[in-house]
Amino acid sequence: MKRRICLILFVLLTPATLASQNLSGLKFCIDPGHGGYESDDRHVIPDVGIDFWESESNFFKAVHLKALLEAQGATVILTRTGNSDPDLDDPSLSARWTLANANNVDWFHSIHSNATGGNNTSVNHTLILLKENISTRLPVFPQAVNMSSYIYNQIRAHLRTQASAGNISGYPGVWSDYTFYGGASGGFNLGVLNGLNMPGELSEGSFHDYSPETRRLMNNHYRKMEAYGLVKSFMQYYSVPADTFRIVLG
């Protein structure tokens, strides 16, 4: 009887059984924001002779995320594959969502970090932006609200950033873009989300002009932590079990 029970447990825990519980069959378009060390790329000098470029940080986060999603069986497209050539590695905002539409992806996500634009000595929160219907003032893709909430919570759990309020009731940290940027007083939809045929959002994981965070964002291991937060968000949304140790009883 004992051998029979062990055999049943082994069969239940085989990789073949577990492999079906992943992101196979799903296609993602991941957008590393900015690109190519150009003037529109946000640039910070935390110390003399040391340069932080948001485009570089975003790109390495995206590369880590691509590998983590592919390990879960997903197909992943990046909107750019480098960060050295301003002509090749900084596609227009419309080119980014056009690529997602042309490849009929299931989900689009744009990776960014934020900045106050001043002498930031304390601000370092996470926020997620999604496209708002300007006429109805509701999210264009309701599915993106839940996903954005998962992303907000997972990034905060991994980076230990501050909270942000959000402007959608019941969803801290999740912001509709038109309202966020002023609504009737000059608000607008984010260009990178504007033409999407599928759900998507933009994450501002942390503030790269907060000096301690600037230095952390130059560390590739720290960038990978944000990528872990993002892949766990997608797994949570698609009801994929969290990664666990496999234990074979005998």
C-alpha atoms as a PDB file:
ATOM      1  CA  MET A   1       0.000   0.000   0.000  1.00  0.00           C
ATOM      2  CA  LYS A   2       2.821   2.416   0.880  1.00  0.00           C
ATOM      3  CA  ARG A   3       4.533   1.893  -2.517  1.00  0.00           C
ATOM      4  CA  ARG A   4       1.234   2.483  -4.320  1.00  0.00           C
ATOM      5  CA  ILE A   5       0.641   5.797  -2.479  1.00  0.00           C
ATOM      6  CA  CYS A   6       4.175   6.967  -3.310  1.00  0.00           C
ATOM      7  CA  LEU A   7       3.672   6.088  -6.973  1.00  0.00           C
ATOM      8  CA  ILE A   8       0.450   8.109  -7.119  1.00  0.00           C
ATOM      9  CA  LEU A   9       2.173  11.113  -5.516  1.00  0.00           C
ATOM     10  CA  PHE A  10       5.034  10.884  -7.997  1.00  0.00           C
ATOM     11  CA  VAL A  11       2.669  10.814 -10.963  1.00  0.00           C
ATOM     12  CA  LEU A  12       0.794  13.841  -9.643  1.00  0.00           C
ATOM     13  CA  LEU A  13       4.051  15.807  -9.291  1.00  0.00           C
ATOM     14  CA  THR A  14       5.688  14.975 -12.631  1.00  0.00           C
ATOM     15  CA  PRO A  15       6.947  17.919 -14.725  1.00  0.00           C
ATOM     16  CA  ALA A  16       4.605  16.934 -17.565  1.00  0.00           C
ATOM     17  CA  THR A  17       1.631  17.534 -15.301  1.00  0.00           C
ATOM     18  CA  LEU A  18       2.994  20.803 -13.940  1.00  0.00           C
ATOM     19  CA  ALA A  19       4.052  22.108 -17.371  1.00  0.00           C
ATOM     20  CA  SER A  20       0.422  22.572 -18.402  1.00  0.00           C
ATOM     21  CA  GLN A  21      -0.037  25.155 -15.660  1.00  0.00           C
ATOM     22  CA  ASN A  22       1.880  28.037 -17.202  1.00  0.00           C
ATOM     23  CA  LEU A  23       1.526  30.847 -19.745  1.00  0.00           C
ATOM     24  CA  SER A  24       1.751  28.658 -22.851  1.00  0.00           C
ATOM     25  CA  GLY A  25      -0.330  29.935 -25.751  1.00  0.00           C
ATOM     26  CA  LEU A  26      -0.181  33.564 -24.580  1.00  0.00           C
ATOM     27  CA  LYS A  27       1.677  36.299 -26.432  1.00  0.00           C
ATOM     28  CA  PHE A  28       2.992  39.476 -24.782  1.00  0.00           C
ATOM     29  CA  CYS A  29       4.434  42.679 -26.196  1.00  0.00           C
ATOM     30  CA  ILE A  30       6.819  44.267 -23.701  1.00  0.00           C
ATOM     31  CA  ASP A  31       7.835  47.862 -24.291  1.00  0.00           C
ATOM     32  CA  PRO A  32      11.028  49.223 -22.673  1.00  0.00           C
ATOM     33  CA  GLY A  33      10.179  52.915 -22.502  1.00  0.00           C
ATOM     34  CA  HIS A  34      12.340  55.550 -24.237  1.00  0.00           C
ATOM     35  CA  GLY A  35      15.549  54.425 -25.957  1.00  0.00           C
ATOM     36  CA  GLY A  36      18.895  55.287 -27.430  1.00  0.00           C
ATOM     37  CA  TYR A  37      20.345  57.825 -24.947  1.00  0.00           C
ATOM     38  CA  GLU A  38      18.542  60.720 -26.656  1.00  0.00           C
ATOM     39  CA  SER A  39      17.448  64.097 -25.331  1.00  0.00           C
ATOM     40  CA  ASP A  40      13.931  62.838 -24.527  1.00  0.00           C
ATOM     41  CA  ASP A  41      15.424  60.064 -22.388  1.00  0.00           C
ATOM     42  CA  ARG A  42      15.462  60.997 -18.713  1.00  0.00           C
ATOM     43  CA  HIS A  43      19.032  61.259 -17.495  1.00  0.00           C
ATOM     44  CA  VAL A  44      20.303  61.563 -13.911  1.00  0.00           C
ATOM     45  CA  ILE A  45      23.862  61.964 -12.591  1.00  0.00           C
ATOM     46  CA  PRO A  46      23.867  60.534  -9.035  1.00  0.00           C
ATOM     47  CA  ASP A  47      27.634  61.036  -8.650  1.00  0.00           C
ATOM     48  CA  VAL A  48      30.317  62.788 -10.680  1.00  0.00           C
ATOM     49  CA  GLY A  49      31.229  60.575 -13.626  1.00  0.00           C
ATOM     50  CA  ILE A  50      28.219  58.260 -13.170  1.00  0.00           C
ATOM     51  CA  ASP A  51      25.205  58.467 -15.482  1.00  0.00           C
ATOM     52  CA  PHE A  52      21.770  56.915 -15.083  1.00  0.00           C
ATOM     53  CA  TRP A  53      19.632  56.607 -18.219  1.00  0.00           C
ATOM     54  CA  GLU A  54      16.031  55.532 -17.874  1.00  0.00           C
ATOM     55  CA  SER A  55      16.131  53.914 -21.315  1.00  0.00           C
ATOM     56  CA  GLU A  56      18.950  51.603 -20.239  1.00  0.00           C
ATOM     57  CA  SER A  57      17.234  50.629 -16.984  1.00  0.00           C
ATOM     58  CA  ASN A  58      13.914  50.002 -18.757  1.00  0.00           C
ATOM     59  CA  PHE A  59      15.629  47.881 -21.399  1.00  0.00           C
ATOM     60  CA  PHE A  60      17.326  45.563 -18.941  1.00  0.00           C
ATOM     61  CA  LYS A  61      14.101  45.147 -16.972  1.00  0.00           C
ATOM     62  CA  ALA A  62      12.389  44.137 -20.220  1.00  0.00           C
ATOM     63  CA  VAL A  63      15.131  41.649 -21.129  1.00  0.00           C
ATOM     64  CA  HIS A  64      14.796  39.999 -17.701  1.00  0.00           C
ATOM     65  CA  LEU A  65      11.008  39.951 -18.012  1.00  0.00           C
ATOM     66  CA  LYS A  66      11.168  38.392 -21.490  1.00  0.00           C
ATOM     67  CA  ALA A  67      13.273  35.506 -20.150  1.00  0.00           C
ATOM     68  CA  LEU A  68      10.960  34.970 -17.173  1.00  0.00           C
ATOM     69  CA  LEU A  69       7.826  34.962 -19.356  1.00  0.00           C
ATOM     70  CA  GLU A  70       9.401  32.582 -21.863  1.00  0.00           C
ATOM     71  CA  ALA A  71      10.339  30.239 -19.013  1.00  0.00           C
ATOM     72  CA  GLN A  72       6.585  30.134 -18.312  1.00  0.00           C
ATOM     73  CA  GLY A  73       5.894  29.123 -21.925  1.00  0.00           C
ATOM     74  CA  ALA A  74       4.793  32.545 -23.236  1.00  0.00           C
ATOM     75  CA  THR A  75       5.750  34.133 -26.547  1.00  0.00           C
ATOM     76  CA  VAL A  76       7.321  37.584 -26.058  1.00  0.00           C
ATOM     77  CA  ILE A  77       7.957  40.465 -28.451  1.00  0.00           C
ATOM     78  CA  LEU A  78      10.046  43.489 -27.425  1.00  0.00           C
ATOM     79  CA  THR A  79       9.357  46.860 -29.039  1.00  0.00           C
ATOM     80  CA  ARG A  80      13.113  47.425 -29.193  1.00  0.00           C
ATOM     81  CA  THR A  81      16.046  45.042 -28.924  1.00  0.00           C
ATOM     82  CA  GLY A  82      18.871  47.397 -27.967  1.00  0.00           C
ATOM     83  CA  ASN A  83      19.679  50.773 -26.456  1.00  0.00           C
ATOM     84  CA  SER A  84      22.662  52.087 -28.386  1.00  0.00           C
ATOM     85  CA  ASP A  85      21.310  53.447 -31.675  1.00  0.00           C
ATOM     86  CA  PRO A  86      18.906  56.413 -31.381  1.00  0.00           C
ATOM     87  CA  ASP A  87      17.515  55.654 -34.856  1.00  0.00           C
ATOM     88  CA  LEU A  88      16.863  51.940 -34.309  1.00  0.00           C
ATOM     89  CA  ASP A  89      16.365  51.766 -30.567  1.00  0.00           C
ATOM     90  CA  ASP A  90      13.843  54.564 -29.989  1.00  0.00           C
ATOM     91  CA  PRO A  91      10.725  53.686 -32.009  1.00  0.00           C
ATOM     92  CA  SER A  92       7.871  56.195 -32.030  1.00  0.00           C
ATOM     93  CA  LEU A  93       5.037  55.714 -29.574  1.00  0.00           C
ATOM     94  CA  SER A  94       2.678  54.729 -32.376  1.00  0.00           C
ATOM     95  CA  ALA A  95       5.227  52.230 -33.736  1.00  0.00           C
ATOM     96  CA  ARG A  96       5.184  50.462 -30.371  1.00  0.00           C
ATOM     97  CA  TRP A  97       1.446  49.856 -30.229  1.00  0.00           C
ATOM     98  CA  THR A  98       1.364  49.153 -33.972  1.00  0.00           C
ATOM     99  CA  LEU A  99       3.841  46.312 -33.406  1.00  0.00           C
ATOM    100  CA  ALA A 100       1.610  44.852 -30.692  1.00  0.00           C
ATOM    101  CA  ASN A 101      -1.468  45.065 -32.924  1.00  0.00           C
ATOM    102  CA  ALA A 102       0.301  43.586 -35.955  1.00  0.00           C
ATOM    103  CA  ASN A 103       1.345  40.565 -33.904  1.00  0.00           C
ATOM    104  CA  ASN A 104      -2.090  40.134 -32.325  1.00  0.00           C
ATOM    105  CA  VAL A 105      -0.644  39.850 -28.822  1.00  0.00           C
ATOM    106  CA  ASP A 106      -2.787  39.102 -25.794  1.00  0.00           C
ATOM    107  CA  TRP A 107      -1.289  41.818 -23.605  1.00  0.00           C
ATOM    108  CA  PHE A 108       0.877  44.937 -23.872  1.00  0.00           C
ATOM    109  CA  HIS A 109       2.995  46.376 -21.094  1.00  0.00           C
ATOM    110  CA  SER A 110       5.250  49.438 -21.114  1.00  0.00           C
ATOM    111  CA  ILE A 111       8.056  49.636 -18.522  1.00  0.00           C
ATOM    112  CA  HIS A 112       9.137  53.008 -17.120  1.00  0.00           C
ATOM    113  CA  SER A 113      10.459  54.738 -14.031  1.00  0.00           C
ATOM    114  CA  ASN A 114       9.311  58.142 -12.858  1.00  0.00           C
ATOM    115  CA  ALA A 115      10.810  61.501 -11.865  1.00  0.00           C
ATOM    116  CA  THR A 116       9.643  64.595 -10.010  1.00  0.00           C
ATOM    117  CA  GLY A 117      11.653  66.929 -12.204  1.00  0.00           C
ATOM    118  CA  GLY A 118      13.073  68.689  -9.162  1.00  0.00           C
ATOM    119  CA  ASN A 119      15.290  68.026  -6.181  1.00  0.00           C
ATOM    120  CA  ASN A 120      13.731  64.740  -5.084  1.00  0.00           C
ATOM    121  CA  THR A 121      14.711  63.846  -1.531  1.00  0.00           C
ATOM    122  CA  SER A 122      11.764  61.683  -0.498  1.00  0.00           C
ATOM    123  CA  VAL A 123       9.360  60.620  -3.292  1.00  0.00           C
ATOM    124  CA  ASN A 124       9.606  57.004  -4.455  1.00  0.00           C
ATOM    125  CA  HIS A 125       6.196  55.494  -5.114  1.00  0.00           C
ATOM    126  CA  THR A 126       4.801  53.077  -7.694  1.00  0.00           C
ATOM    127  CA  LEU A 127       1.920  53.895 -10.019  1.00  0.00           C
ATOM    128  CA  ILE A 128       0.273  52.152 -12.973  1.00  0.00           C
ATOM    129  CA  LEU A 129      -1.447  54.016 -15.808  1.00  0.00           C
ATOM    130  CA  LEU A 130      -4.098  52.666 -18.172  1.00  0.00           C
ATOM    131  CA  LYS A 131      -6.055  54.155 -21.047  1.00  0.00           C
ATOM    132  CA  GLU A 132      -9.243  56.059 -20.223  1.00  0.00           C
ATOM    133  CA  ASN A 133     -12.212  56.634 -22.495  1.00  0.00           C
ATOM    134  CA  ILE A 134     -12.391  60.415 -22.538  1.00  0.00           C
ATOM    135  CA  SER A 135     -16.144  60.474 -23.201  1.00  0.00           C
ATOM    136  CA  THR A 136     -17.220  57.995 -20.532  1.00  0.00           C
ATOM    137  CA  ARG A 137     -14.258  58.520 -18.161  1.00  0.00           C
ATOM    138  CA  LEU A 138     -14.061  54.721 -17.777  1.00  0.00           C
ATOM    139  CA  PRO A 139     -11.128  52.411 -18.562  1.00  0.00           C
ATOM    140  CA  VAL A 140     -11.077  51.444 -22.245  1.00  0.00           C
ATOM    141  CA  PHE A 141     -10.108  47.899 -21.266  1.00  0.00           C
ATOM    142  CA  PRO A 142     -11.712  46.918 -17.924  1.00  0.00           C
ATOM    143  CA  GLN A 143      -9.417  43.852 -17.803  1.00  0.00           C
ATOM    144  CA  ALA A 144      -6.446  46.179 -17.411  1.00  0.00           C
ATOM    145  CA  VAL A 145      -7.745  47.406 -14.053  1.00  0.00           C
ATOM    146  CA  ASN A 146      -7.230  44.062 -12.306  1.00  0.00           C
ATOM    147  CA  MET A 147      -3.914  43.460 -14.054  1.00  0.00           C
ATOM    148  CA  SER A 148      -2.720  46.932 -13.079  1.00  0.00           C
ATOM    149  CA  SER A 149      -3.674  46.294  -9.477  1.00  0.00           C
ATOM    150  CA  TYR A 150      -1.664  43.063  -9.460  1.00  0.00           C
ATOM    151  CA  ILE A 151       1.316  44.859 -11.018  1.00  0.00           C
ATOM    152  CA  TYR A 152       1.141  47.695  -8.502  1.00  0.00           C
ATOM    153  CA  ASN A 153       1.097  45.322  -5.538  1.00  0.00           C
ATOM    154  CA  GLN A 154       3.769  42.992  -6.900  1.00  0.00           C
ATOM    155  CA  ILE A 155       6.216  45.781  -7.784  1.00  0.00           C
ATOM    156  CA  ARG A 156       5.745  47.315  -4.352  1.00  0.00           C
ATOM    157  CA  ALA A 157       6.309  43.937  -2.692  1.00  0.00           C
ATOM    158  CA  HIS A 158       9.560  43.405  -4.612  1.00  0.00           C
ATOM    159  CA  LEU A 159      10.989  46.949  -4.551  1.00  0.00           C
ATOM    160  CA  ARG A 160       9.447  48.139  -1.248  1.00  0.00           C
ATOM    161  CA  THR A 161       8.329  51.412  -2.771  1.00  0.00           C
ATOM    162  CA  GLN A 162       5.863  53.896  -1.317  1.00  0.00           C
ATOM    163  CA  ALA A 163       2.117  53.723  -1.968  1.00  0.00           C
ATOM    164  CA  SER A 164       0.162  55.950  -4.345  1.00  0.00           C
ATOM    165  CA  ALA A 165      -3.552  56.687  -4.115  1.00  0.00           C
ATOM    166  CA  GLY A 166      -4.850  55.881  -7.604  1.00  0.00           C
ATOM    167  CA  ASN A 167      -7.946  57.463  -9.168  1.00  0.00           C
ATOM    168  CA  ILE A 168     -10.073  54.332  -9.694  1.00  0.00           C
ATOM    169  CA  SER A 169     -12.199  53.515  -6.661  1.00  0.00           C
ATOM    170  CA  GLY A 170     -11.035  50.394  -4.852  1.00  0.00           C
ATOM    171  CA  TYR A 171      -7.748  50.124  -6.745  1.00  0.00           C
ATOM    172  CA  PRO A 172      -4.878  51.933  -5.014  1.00  0.00           C
ATOM    173  CA  GLY A 173      -1.991  52.824  -7.287  1.00  0.00           C
ATOM    174  CA  VAL A 174      -4.017  52.428 -10.514  1.00  0.00           C
ATOM    175  CA  TRP A 175      -4.594  55.588 -12.524  1.00  0.00           C
ATOM    176  CA  SER A 176      -6.697  56.369 -15.611  1.00  0.00           C
ATOM    177  CA  ASP A 177      -4.440  58.423 -17.857  1.00  0.00           C
ATOM    178  CA  TYR A 178      -6.730  61.236 -19.042  1.00  0.00           C
ATOM    179  CA  THR A 179      -7.813  62.052 -15.491  1.00  0.00           C
ATOM    180  CA  PHE A 180      -4.276  61.660 -14.149  1.00  0.00           C
ATOM    181  CA  TYR A 181      -2.954  64.219 -16.629  1.00  0.00           C
ATOM    182  CA  GLY A 182      -5.602  66.822 -15.825  1.00  0.00           C
ATOM    183  CA  GLY A 183      -8.853  65.631 -17.365  1.00  0.00           C
ATOM    184  CA  ALA A 184     -10.820  68.521 -18.856  1.00  0.00           C
ATOM    185  CA  SER A 185      -7.970  70.847 -17.883  1.00  0.00           C
ATOM    186  CA  GLY A 186      -5.631  69.584 -20.588  1.00  0.00           C
ATOM    187  CA  GLY A 187      -5.666  65.833 -19.982  1.00  0.00           C
ATOM    188  CA  PHE A 188      -4.610  63.339 -22.634  1.00  0.00           C
ATOM    189  CA  ASN A 189      -4.210  59.627 -23.340  1.00  0.00           C
ATOM    190  CA  LEU A 190      -0.713  58.171 -23.238  1.00  0.00           C
ATOM    191  CA  GLY A 191       0.587  57.832 -26.775  1.00  0.00           C
ATOM    192  CA  VAL A 192       2.079  54.396 -26.218  1.00  0.00           C
ATOM    193  CA  LEU A 193      -1.344  53.022 -25.189  1.00  0.00           C
ATOM    194  CA  ASN A 194      -3.489  55.088 -27.516  1.00  0.00           C
ATOM    195  CA  GLY A 195      -4.004  52.704 -30.448  1.00  0.00           C
ATOM    196  CA  LEU A 196      -3.913  49.329 -28.727  1.00  0.00           C
ATOM    197  CA  ASN A 197      -6.370  46.652 -29.831  1.00  0.00           C
ATOM    198  CA  MET A 198      -5.721  44.670 -26.651  1.00  0.00           C
ATOM    199  CA  PRO A 199      -5.446  45.431 -22.932  1.00  0.00           C
ATOM    200  CA  GLY A 200      -2.297  47.143 -21.768  1.00  0.00           C
ATOM    201  CA  GLU A 201      -0.868  49.481 -19.179  1.00  0.00           C
ATOM    202  CA  LEU A 202       2.245  51.468 -18.311  1.00  0.00           C
ATOM    203  CA  SER A 203       4.131  50.994 -15.046  1.00  0.00           C
ATOM    204  CA  GLU A 204       6.151  53.684 -13.304  1.00  0.00           C
ATOM    205  CA  GLY A 205       7.928  51.268 -10.966  1.00  0.00           C
ATOM    206  CA  SER A 206       9.818  53.805  -8.869  1.00  0.00           C
ATOM    207  CA  PHE A 207      11.367  57.288  -9.007  1.00  0.00           C
ATOM    208  CA  HIS A 208      14.789  57.294 -10.623  1.00  0.00           C
ATOM    209  CA  ASP A 209      15.557  60.845  -9.465  1.00  0.00           C
ATOM    210  CA  TYR A 210      15.355  59.802  -5.802  1.00  0.00           C
ATOM    211  CA  SER A 211      19.051  59.401  -5.140  1.00  0.00           C
ATOM    212  CA  PRO A 212      19.052  56.020  -3.322  1.00  0.00           C
ATOM    213  CA  GLU A 213      16.728  54.601  -5.991  1.00  0.00           C
ATOM    214  CA  THR A 214      18.917  55.956  -8.794  1.00  0.00           C
ATOM    215  CA  ARG A 215      21.784  53.814  -7.561  1.00  0.00           C
ATOM    216  CA  ARG A 216      19.564  50.764  -7.050  1.00  0.00           C
ATOM    217  CA  LEU A 217      18.222  51.047 -10.592  1.00  0.00           C
ATOM    218  CA  MET A 218      21.777  50.843 -11.928  1.00  0.00           C
ATOM    219  CA  ASN A 219      22.086  47.374 -10.379  1.00  0.00           C
ATOM    220  CA  ASN A 220      21.020  44.582 -12.717  1.00  0.00           C
ATOM    221  CA  HIS A 221      19.950  42.319  -9.842  1.00  0.00           C
ATOM    222  CA  TYR A 222      17.609  45.040  -8.609  1.00  0.00           C
ATOM    223  CA  ARG A 223      16.166  45.510 -12.089  1.00  0.00           C
ATOM    224  CA  LYS A 224      15.431  41.799 -12.173  1.00  0.00           C
ATOM    225  CA  MET A 225      13.397  42.134  -8.983  1.00  0.00           C
ATOM    226  CA  GLU A 226      10.969  44.402 -10.840  1.00  0.00           C
ATOM    227  CA  ALA A 227      10.808  41.873 -13.668  1.00  0.00           C
ATOM    228  CA  TYR A 228       9.918  39.190 -11.112  1.00  0.00           C
ATOM    229  CA  GLY A 229       7.110  41.407  -9.854  1.00  0.00           C
ATOM    230  CA  LEU A 230       5.774  41.783 -13.388  1.00  0.00           C
ATOM    231  CA  VAL A 231       5.887  38.092 -14.319  1.00  0.00           C
ATOM    232  CA  LYS A 232       4.166  37.196 -11.046  1.00  0.00           C
ATOM    233  CA  SER A 233       1.437  39.710 -11.907  1.00  0.00           C
ATOM    234  CA  PHE A 234       0.784  38.051 -15.263  1.00  0.00           C
ATOM    235  CA  MET A 235       0.776  34.630 -13.602  1.00  0.00           C
ATOM    236  CA  GLN A 236      -1.678  35.880 -10.989  1.00  0.00           C
ATOM    237  CA  TYR A 237      -4.003  37.331 -13.626  1.00  0.00           C
ATOM    238  CA  TYR A 238      -4.000  34.132 -15.692  1.00  0.00           C
ATOM    239  CA  SER A 239      -4.368  31.919 -12.586  1.00  0.00           C
ATOM    240  CA  VAL A 240      -0.986  30.251 -13.042  1.00  0.00           C
ATOM    241  CA  PRO A 241       0.217  28.708  -9.757  1.00  0.00           C
ATOM    242  CA  ALA A 242       3.132  30.491  -8.155  1.00  0.00           C
ATOM    243  CA  ASP A 243       6.525  28.822  -8.522  1.00  0.00           C
ATOM    244  CA  THR A 244       7.155  26.398  -5.662  1.00  0.00           C
ATOM    245  CA  PHE A 245       9.707  23.777  -4.741  1.00  0.00           C
ATOM    246  CA  ARG A 246       8.833  20.322  -6.035  1.00  0.00           C
ATOM    247  CA  ILE A 247       8.868  17.732  -3.276  1.00  0.00           C
ATOM    248  CA  VAL A 248       8.783  14.023  -4.081  1.00  0.00           C
ATOM    249  CA  LEU A 249       7.659  11.926  -1.143  1.00  0.00           C
ATOM    250  CA  GLY A 250       8.974   8.418  -0.759  1.00  0.00           C
END
